[in-house]
Amino acid sequence: MTPQELQSRLLYRDGLMLVLDKPAGLAVHAGPGGGDNLERYFGHLRFGLPKPPALAHRLDRDTSGCLVLGRHPKALRKLGKLFQEGKVEKIYWAVTRGVPARTEGRIDAPLKKLSTRSGGWRIVIAEDGQTSVTDYRVLGQANGLSWIECRPRSGRTHQIRVHLASLGCPILGDAQYGDAAREKDVPLHLHSRGITVPLYQKREPITVLARPPAAMQAALMACGWSAPEDEANQQAHKTDGGDTARP
């Protein structure tokens, strides 16, 4: 990924934090098997600082949208505390196969990681799992598909995917928790739509939006989404004070 390609995905920048529009299909960091990943390109985002930024949280490989980076260790500590204390508001959009019985609600179902016979793993709902909570509401539906807004109150691996599947509404393109044969060649329709970070005590929280990727837009529009004409540029390259953080 060239510096220009990565920087074109920058949604927000100030002295402490960057927010990127992560592309679907690219891991945020190297796994045990190596391979291409977003983190290897962070040197393109130094903007004059001596070291590259680092991940403040994670998104799955096939999830797109808002990804927060801390620009230096002090910023990472502050962001890490905000995420850990649940003070960062995260909004995800998903398109699912099926319609929930209720148009809105809370899924409170503990999650646990299990190894599979094939040597892989999956996340399951289990009484002895970690506390996992997701608030959701249906924003639109059509032809057996639903456009759902999710607000996770915890940050477990595959949380939204498993929770929506538990409603009988697996995410479109989710071959692991849906119908594997049906979803095999369909991109995962899960997008980190927006994030709100109360980064500075004496200022309003910072809210950043990411436009849904092209692969999701047809299904979203079928369910009633209509993007404002200016949405594509609403947050693109937004900065606040350049590289100087204000308390």
Foldseek 3Di string as FASTA:
>chain_A
DDLVVFLQQWQEDEQWKTKGFFAAQAFQDADPVGDGHVVVPQVSVLLPPPDGWAFLDGDGRGATGITMTTNDDVSSVLSVVCQVVQVKWWKKKFKWQADFPDQWDKQWFFKDWDADPVGRIDIAGDPPHHTWMKTKGWPFDDPRMTIMMITTSHDDPCRVQHRCVVRVIGTQLPLPSDVVVRNVPQRGGMYRAKMWAPRDPVDHTDITGDDGDPSNVVSVVNGPDDDDPCVNVPRRPHYDHHNDDDD
